[in-house]
Amino acid sequence: MKVKYVVVGSGLAGLTIAERIASQLNEKVLIVEKRNHIGGNVYDSYNEDGIMIQNYGPHTFHTNDKEIMDYILQFTEWHEYQHRVMSYVDGNWVPMPISLETINLLYNMNLSEDGLEEFINKKKIKIDEIKNSEDVVLSQTGVDIYEKFFKYFTIKQWGCSPAELDKSVISRIPFRKNRDTRYFTDLYQGNPKGGFTKMCQKMADHPNIKILLNTDYKEVIDQIEYEKLIYTGPIDYYFDYKLGKLLYRSIRFEFETLEMESYQPTASSRYPQDHAYTRITEFKKMYGQKHHKTTICKEYPCFGDEPYYTYPTQEWKELASKYHDLASAEKNVIFLGRLAEYKYYDMDDVIRRALDVFKENFN
């Protein structure tokens, strides 16, 4: 088989760059995907009760980048949705991320913004050098909030203490001193009408794009004559784990359909104290779907075969860096995306990265 470009993986990174090559360069692209569907972890589907679920956990699109928004709107209509999350803390529902509303509900107070500043300043712990995620929270909020919201949640999520995690992990979680209870504050927020899978299908719907599902690229790559490979799979797998396997955190999803219209106050709830699961998602609330039943999904973080999150400790960042050195020496191969770069990306970030890589390498 002869094709100019081969893309390994059909998540947002692979689909974006394949679509650009096909539509902008008018070149043939072969996408090789090991799963039985495209879309990567944003894949969604209707379950047997006709309720739209996200098969690999909840995804809400949010960005301040108008170019990214304009790009995806070529392939979908938009369902406006503001993501809100509640945390179950000390037997009560409080908004997450922590805001003025959260503190007032948690401590049964009626603080103003200035009062919140004074309240938090009294609780903060002075730390001269912020070395890890524990230091981040203690320096911003103090011990009580750290333990109620972050310490045990992080242990469940990552299987280790926040003191062992890179400071970037918890730095992504905002702490607000106003009454804004939205989880994201980006200008553009929502989900594709009809789901992410439908959007991904439209991205791949080009005569220059062919897709091979249920196929490990290593089984077929020697039979393909190509000029450039765009690889979006795990970087250690590409090199046959020659430096050792990188560590990823996985999730076990437990879906349940209930005979009720609504299960919880918001689409997403967090359990930072008790319970073995970290989060419950009620998908109807994300899509605005009306149904007399509802489907929820409980998430149990674990170490498993499916690589959902790169592991943010120094040991694994150093090993990933060694793999990056190997990758830089590979001719005619582009390593793109969360797994290939061993880097956390939001959805808009991975699309931005793919568009930038296309501009840098194909123009």
Protein backbone atom coordinates (compact mmCIF):
# COMPACT_ATOMS: atom_id res chain seq x y z
CA MET A 1 0.00 0.00 0.00
CA LYS A 2 1.26 3.48 -0.84
CA VAL A 3 0.10 6.65 0.91
CA LYS A 4 1.98 9.86 1.61
CA TYR A 5 0.88 10.34 5.23
CA VAL A 6 0.04 7.86 7.99
CA VAL A 7 -1.55 9.01 11.25
CA VAL A 8 -1.48 6.63 14.21
CA GLY A 9 -4.49 7.25 16.44
CA SER A 10 -7.84 8.92 15.82
CA GLY A 11 -8.24 11.10 18.87
CA LEU A 12 -8.51 14.87 18.53
CA ALA A 13 -4.80 15.25 17.78
CA GLY A 14 -4.78 12.66 15.02
CA LEU A 15 -8.08 13.72 13.50
CA THR A 16 -7.15 17.41 13.47
CA ILE A 17 -3.86 16.97 11.66
CA ALA A 18 -5.35 14.38 9.29
CA GLU A 19 -8.17 16.76 8.42
CA ARG A 20 -5.71 19.60 7.75
CA ILE A 21 -3.51 17.44 5.51
CA ALA A 22 -6.53 16.15 3.59
CA SER A 23 -8.32 19.47 3.13
CA GLN A 24 -5.45 21.97 2.94
CA LEU A 25 -2.81 19.93 1.11
CA ASN A 26 -5.25 17.73 -0.83
CA GLU A 27 -3.13 14.71 0.09
CA LYS A 28 -4.16 11.15 0.99
CA VAL A 29 -4.03 10.22 4.68
CA LEU A 30 -4.37 6.81 6.30
CA ILE A 31 -5.46 6.78 9.95
CA VAL A 32 -4.65 3.58 11.84
CA GLU A 33 -6.64 3.13 15.04
CA LYS A 34 -6.34 0.25 17.52
CA ARG A 35 -9.84 0.73 18.97
CA ASN A 36 -13.06 -0.13 17.15
CA HIS A 37 -14.06 3.53 16.88
CA ILE A 38 -12.62 6.97 16.22
CA GLY A 39 -12.60 9.89 18.64
CA GLY A 40 -10.18 8.63 21.27
CA ASN A 41 -11.31 9.37 24.80
CA VAL A 42 -13.92 11.93 23.73
CA TYR A 43 -15.93 9.11 22.13
CA ASP A 44 -19.58 9.18 23.18
CA SER A 45 -22.59 7.05 22.30
CA TYR A 46 -26.23 6.35 23.10
CA ASN A 47 -26.71 3.53 25.59
CA GLU A 48 -29.49 0.94 25.40
CA ASP A 49 -31.91 3.36 27.07
CA GLY A 50 -31.22 6.07 24.50
CA ILE A 51 -29.22 8.27 26.88
CA MET A 52 -26.05 9.89 25.53
CA ILE A 53 -23.03 8.87 27.62
CA GLN A 54 -19.32 9.60 27.38
CA ASN A 55 -17.72 6.17 27.36
CA TYR A 56 -14.33 7.26 28.70
CA GLY A 57 -15.51 9.75 31.30
CA PRO A 58 -16.82 13.32 31.15
CA HIS A 59 -15.52 15.89 28.68
CA THR A 60 -16.65 19.50 28.40
CA PHE A 61 -15.11 21.71 25.75
CA HIS A 62 -13.89 25.12 26.89
CA THR A 63 -11.50 27.63 25.37
CA ASN A 64 -10.67 31.31 25.06
CA ASP A 65 -9.13 30.68 21.65
CA LYS A 66 -11.49 31.92 18.92
CA GLU A 67 -9.46 30.23 16.20
CA ILE A 68 -9.98 26.86 17.90
CA MET A 69 -13.68 27.50 18.34
CA ASP A 70 -14.07 28.56 14.71
CA TYR A 71 -12.21 25.45 13.65
CA ILE A 72 -14.44 22.93 15.43
CA LEU A 73 -17.62 24.79 14.47
CA GLN A 74 -16.89 23.70 10.90
CA PHE A 75 -17.85 20.20 12.02
CA THR A 76 -20.65 20.68 14.53
CA GLU A 77 -23.42 22.84 15.86
CA TRP A 78 -22.97 23.90 19.46
CA HIS A 79 -24.80 23.16 22.70
CA GLU A 80 -24.04 25.98 25.14
CA TYR A 81 -23.31 24.54 28.55
CA GLN A 82 -21.69 26.00 31.66
CA HIS A 83 -20.03 23.22 33.65
CA ARG A 84 -20.66 23.32 37.39
CA VAL A 85 -19.29 20.88 39.94
CA MET A 86 -20.36 20.18 43.51
CA SER A 87 -18.13 18.61 46.16
CA TYR A 88 -19.58 16.48 48.94
CA VAL A 89 -17.72 17.77 51.99
CA ASP A 90 -18.62 17.19 55.64
CA GLY A 91 -22.04 15.90 54.58
CA ASN A 92 -22.93 18.96 52.49
CA TRP A 93 -22.84 19.96 48.83
CA VAL A 94 -20.56 22.92 48.16
CA PRO A 95 -19.41 24.42 44.83
CA MET A 96 -16.07 23.42 43.34
CA PRO A 97 -13.67 25.07 42.57
CA ILE A 98 -13.46 26.82 45.90
CA SER A 99 -15.02 30.28 45.77
CA LEU A 100 -16.60 32.79 48.13
CA GLU A 101 -19.82 30.75 47.92
CA THR A 102 -17.95 27.57 48.89
CA ILE A 103 -16.35 29.09 51.98
CA ASN A 104 -19.59 30.69 53.17
CA LEU A 105 -21.50 27.42 52.85
CA LEU A 106 -18.73 25.31 54.33
CA TYR A 107 -18.20 27.44 57.44
CA ASN A 108 -21.75 28.86 57.72
CA MET A 109 -20.58 32.44 57.27
CA ASN A 110 -21.57 35.44 55.18
CA LEU A 111 -18.20 36.83 54.17
CA SER A 112 -17.69 39.56 51.59
CA GLU A 113 -14.82 39.34 49.11
CA ASP A 114 -12.66 41.44 51.43
CA GLY A 115 -13.69 39.28 54.38
CA LEU A 116 -12.74 36.14 52.45
CA GLU A 117 -9.28 37.57 51.78
CA GLU A 118 -8.76 38.18 55.50
CA PHE A 119 -10.18 34.74 56.42
CA ILE A 120 -7.90 32.88 54.01
CA ASN A 121 -4.81 34.93 54.89
CA LYS A 122 -5.16 33.75 58.49
CA LYS A 123 -5.23 30.11 57.36
CA LYS A 124 -2.39 30.18 54.81
CA ILE A 125 0.91 28.58 55.67
CA LYS A 126 4.06 30.44 54.66
CA ILE A 127 6.21 28.20 52.48
CA ASP A 128 9.41 29.70 51.13
CA GLU A 129 9.80 27.34 48.19
CA ILE A 130 6.82 25.67 46.52
CA LYS A 131 8.09 22.20 45.61
CA ASN A 132 4.97 20.07 45.15
CA SER A 133 1.18 20.06 44.99
CA GLU A 134 0.81 19.90 48.76
CA ASP A 135 2.84 23.10 49.10
CA VAL A 136 0.64 24.81 46.51
CA VAL A 137 -2.59 24.24 48.45
CA LEU A 138 -1.18 24.81 51.94
CA SER A 139 0.32 28.13 50.84
CA GLN A 140 -2.97 29.24 49.29
CA THR A 141 -5.60 27.90 51.70
CA GLY A 142 -4.10 26.32 54.81
CA VAL A 143 -4.48 22.88 56.40
CA ASP A 144 -8.26 22.57 56.88
CA ILE A 145 -9.23 23.27 53.27
CA TYR A 146 -6.30 21.20 52.04
CA GLU A 147 -7.53 18.16 53.97
CA LYS A 148 -11.23 18.63 53.18
CA PHE A 149 -10.85 19.13 49.43
CA PHE A 150 -7.45 18.04 48.20
CA LYS A 151 -5.41 15.65 50.33
CA TYR A 152 -7.57 12.52 50.25
CA PHE A 153 -9.02 13.26 46.82
CA THR A 154 -5.48 13.39 45.43
CA ILE A 155 -4.52 10.16 47.17
CA LYS A 156 -7.52 8.48 45.53
CA GLN A 157 -6.88 10.10 42.15
CA TRP A 158 -3.14 9.41 41.90
CA GLY A 159 -2.44 6.70 44.45
CA CYS A 160 0.06 8.89 46.28
CA SER A 161 0.26 11.97 48.48
CA PRO A 162 0.09 15.48 46.99
CA ALA A 163 3.56 15.92 48.52
CA GLU A 164 4.86 13.48 45.88
CA LEU A 165 3.23 15.19 42.91
CA ASP A 166 4.59 17.97 40.76
CA LYS A 167 3.25 21.39 41.75
CA SER A 168 1.63 21.80 38.32
CA VAL A 169 -1.04 19.16 39.11
CA ILE A 170 -3.01 21.16 41.68
CA SER A 171 -1.93 24.53 40.28
CA ARG A 172 -4.44 23.91 37.47
CA ILE A 173 -7.33 24.00 39.97
CA PRO A 174 -8.51 27.59 40.47
CA PHE A 175 -9.27 29.24 43.82
CA ARG A 176 -11.70 32.12 43.38
CA LYS A 177 -12.36 35.00 45.69
CA ASN A 178 -15.65 35.97 44.04
CA ARG A 179 -19.06 34.28 43.76
CA ASP A 180 -18.48 32.64 40.36
CA THR A 181 -19.30 28.94 40.84
CA ARG A 182 -18.64 27.83 37.24
CA TYR A 183 -15.90 25.25 36.92
CA PHE A 184 -14.47 27.00 33.85
CA THR A 185 -14.47 30.71 33.09
CA ASP A 186 -13.50 30.45 29.41
CA LEU A 187 -15.33 32.57 26.85
CA TYR A 188 -16.47 29.53 24.86
CA GLN A 189 -17.97 26.57 26.69
CA GLY A 190 -20.21 23.65 25.82
CA ASN A 191 -20.45 20.41 23.88
CA PRO A 192 -21.15 19.48 20.26
CA LYS A 193 -24.82 18.93 19.48
CA GLY A 194 -25.27 15.22 18.87
CA GLY A 195 -22.04 14.45 20.72
CA PHE A 196 -18.28 14.45 20.18
CA THR A 197 -18.37 11.28 18.08
CA LYS A 198 -20.60 12.94 15.52
CA MET A 199 -18.19 15.90 15.38
CA CYS A 200 -15.22 13.56 14.97
CA GLN A 201 -16.97 11.68 12.16
CA LYS A 202 -17.42 14.95 10.29
CA MET A 203 -13.75 15.81 10.81
CA ALA A 204 -12.84 12.49 9.20
CA ASP A 205 -15.45 12.76 6.44
CA HIS A 206 -13.11 13.67 3.59
CA PRO A 207 -12.38 11.67 0.43
CA ASN A 208 -8.64 11.90 1.14
CA ILE A 209 -8.98 10.23 4.57
CA LYS A 210 -9.11 6.45 4.99
CA ILE A 211 -9.44 4.83 8.42
CA LEU A 212 -8.29 1.40 9.51
CA LEU A 213 -9.92 0.40 12.82
CA ASN A 214 -9.16 -2.50 15.18
CA THR A 215 -5.53 -2.39 14.07
CA ASP A 216 -2.25 -1.96 15.90
CA TYR A 217 -0.14 0.12 13.54
CA LYS A 218 2.87 -2.14 14.12
CA GLU A 219 0.98 -4.98 12.46
CA VAL A 220 0.69 -3.11 9.16
CA ILE A 221 3.28 -0.34 9.02
CA ASP A 222 5.89 -2.49 7.24
CA GLN A 223 3.37 -3.09 4.47
CA ILE A 224 2.79 0.63 3.87
CA GLU A 225 4.97 2.86 1.73
CA TYR A 226 4.73 6.37 3.20
CA GLU A 227 6.69 9.62 3.49
CA LYS A 228 5.73 10.83 6.97
CA LEU A 229 4.26 9.23 10.07
CA ILE A 230 2.30 11.27 12.63
CA TYR A 231 2.27 9.27 15.82
CA THR A 232 -0.21 10.03 18.64
CA GLY A 233 0.11 6.82 20.67
CA PRO A 234 2.20 6.20 23.81
CA ILE A 235 5.79 7.25 23.14
CA ASP A 236 7.25 4.32 25.09
CA TYR A 237 5.28 1.83 22.98
CA TYR A 238 6.68 3.36 19.78
CA PHE A 239 10.18 2.51 21.02
CA ASP A 240 9.14 -0.96 22.26
CA TYR A 241 9.69 0.13 25.87
CA LYS A 242 13.46 0.04 25.33
CA LEU A 243 14.03 2.46 28.23
CA GLY A 244 11.27 0.94 30.36
CA LYS A 245 7.51 1.48 30.54
CA LEU A 246 6.21 4.89 31.47
CA LEU A 247 3.63 5.06 34.24
CA TYR A 248 0.08 6.16 33.50
CA ARG A 249 -2.92 6.50 35.79
CA SER A 250 -6.07 4.75 34.62
CA ILE A 251 -9.75 4.80 35.60
CA ARG A 252 -12.38 2.12 36.04
CA PHE A 253 -15.80 3.41 35.00
CA GLU A 254 -18.99 2.06 36.54
CA PHE A 255 -22.16 3.05 34.64
CA GLU A 256 -25.66 2.77 36.09
CA THR A 257 -29.04 3.75 34.64
CA LEU A 258 -31.59 4.81 37.25
CA GLU A 259 -35.38 5.08 37.21
CA MET A 260 -35.38 8.81 37.96
CA GLU A 261 -35.13 12.03 35.99
CA SER A 262 -32.35 13.55 38.08
CA TYR A 263 -29.74 12.04 40.38
CA GLN A 264 -27.61 14.94 41.63
CA PRO A 265 -27.68 18.76 41.66
CA THR A 266 -25.11 19.22 38.88
CA ALA A 267 -23.68 17.16 36.02
CA SER A 268 -20.54 16.44 38.01
CA SER A 269 -19.97 15.78 41.70
CA ARG A 270 -16.69 15.16 43.53
CA TYR A 271 -16.09 13.07 46.64
CA PRO A 272 -12.86 14.34 48.22
CA GLN A 273 -13.29 12.62 51.58
CA ASP A 274 -15.02 9.25 51.82
CA HIS A 275 -16.15 6.76 49.12
CA ALA A 276 -13.77 4.80 46.89
CA TYR A 277 -14.79 6.77 43.79
CA THR A 278 -13.66 10.31 43.09
CA ARG A 279 -16.42 11.60 40.87
CA ILE A 280 -19.94 10.89 39.62
CA THR A 281 -21.12 12.25 36.29
CA GLU A 282 -24.76 12.56 35.21
CA PHE A 283 -24.50 12.90 31.44
CA LYS A 284 -28.00 14.22 30.65
CA LYS A 285 -27.15 17.50 32.33
CA MET A 286 -24.16 18.01 30.02
CA TYR A 287 -26.12 17.59 26.81
CA GLY A 288 -29.45 19.07 27.92
CA GLN A 289 -31.12 15.74 27.08
CA LYS A 290 -34.66 15.09 28.30
CA HIS A 291 -35.38 11.53 29.44
CA HIS A 292 -37.45 9.91 32.19
CA LYS A 293 -34.37 7.91 33.24
CA THR A 294 -30.81 9.04 33.93
CA THR A 295 -27.39 7.41 33.57
CA ILE A 296 -24.57 8.08 36.00
CA CYS A 297 -20.91 7.08 35.92
CA LYS A 298 -18.71 6.54 38.97
CA GLU A 299 -14.94 6.85 38.52
CA TYR A 300 -12.46 4.64 40.37
CA PRO A 301 -8.85 5.69 39.66
CA CYS A 302 -6.43 2.79 39.38
CA PHE A 303 -3.29 1.53 37.69
CA GLY A 304 -4.53 -0.29 34.62
CA ASP A 305 -3.85 -1.01 30.97
CA GLU A 306 -5.65 2.05 29.57
CA PRO A 307 -3.41 5.17 29.79
CA TYR A 308 -5.64 8.09 30.78
CA TYR A 309 -3.27 10.40 32.66
CA THR A 310 0.47 10.81 32.41
CA TYR A 311 1.99 10.41 35.86
CA PRO A 312 3.21 13.78 37.19
CA THR A 313 6.20 12.91 39.34
CA GLN A 314 9.84 13.70 38.69
CA GLU A 315 10.79 10.07 38.09
CA TRP A 316 8.42 9.66 35.15
CA LYS A 317 9.04 13.11 33.73
CA GLU A 318 12.74 12.25 33.57
CA LEU A 319 12.08 8.95 31.79
CA ALA A 320 9.73 10.70 29.37
CA SER A 321 12.48 13.23 28.66
CA LYS A 322 14.79 10.39 27.64
CA TYR A 323 12.14 9.10 25.26
CA HIS A 324 11.76 12.63 23.85
CA ASP A 325 15.48 12.59 23.06
CA LEU A 326 14.99 9.37 21.11
CA ALA A 327 11.98 10.84 19.34
CA SER A 328 13.91 13.93 18.23
CA ALA A 329 16.28 11.65 16.30
CA GLU A 330 13.49 9.90 14.40
CA LYS A 331 13.35 10.96 10.76
CA ASN A 332 10.00 11.51 9.08
CA VAL A 333 8.07 10.96 12.33
CA ILE A 334 6.09 13.60 14.23
CA PHE A 335 5.15 12.83 17.84
CA LEU A 336 1.92 14.61 18.66
CA GLY A 337 -0.52 14.69 21.57
CA ARG A 338 -0.98 13.66 25.16
CA LEU A 339 0.48 10.15 24.95
CA ALA A 340 3.17 10.80 22.35
CA GLU A 341 4.45 13.84 24.25
CA TYR A 342 3.70 12.44 27.72
CA LYS A 343 1.99 15.70 28.58
CA TYR A 344 -1.41 16.71 29.92
CA TYR A 345 -3.57 18.54 27.38
CA ASP A 346 -7.09 19.93 27.57
CA MET A 347 -9.12 19.36 24.41
CA ASP A 348 -8.62 22.87 23.08
CA ASP A 349 -4.89 22.64 23.83
CA VAL A 350 -4.46 19.43 21.85
CA ILE A 351 -6.31 20.91 18.86
CA ARG A 352 -4.15 24.04 19.10
CA ARG A 353 -1.04 21.86 19.26
CA ALA A 354 -2.13 19.88 16.19
CA LEU A 355 -2.89 23.04 14.20
CA ASP A 356 0.48 24.53 15.16
CA VAL A 357 2.32 21.34 14.23
CA PHE A 358 0.58 21.37 10.87
CA LYS A 359 1.64 24.98 10.23
CA GLU A 360 5.22 24.27 11.30
CA ASN A 361 5.70 21.10 9.28
CA PHE A 362 3.39 21.19 6.28
CA ASN A 363 3.41 24.75 4.98
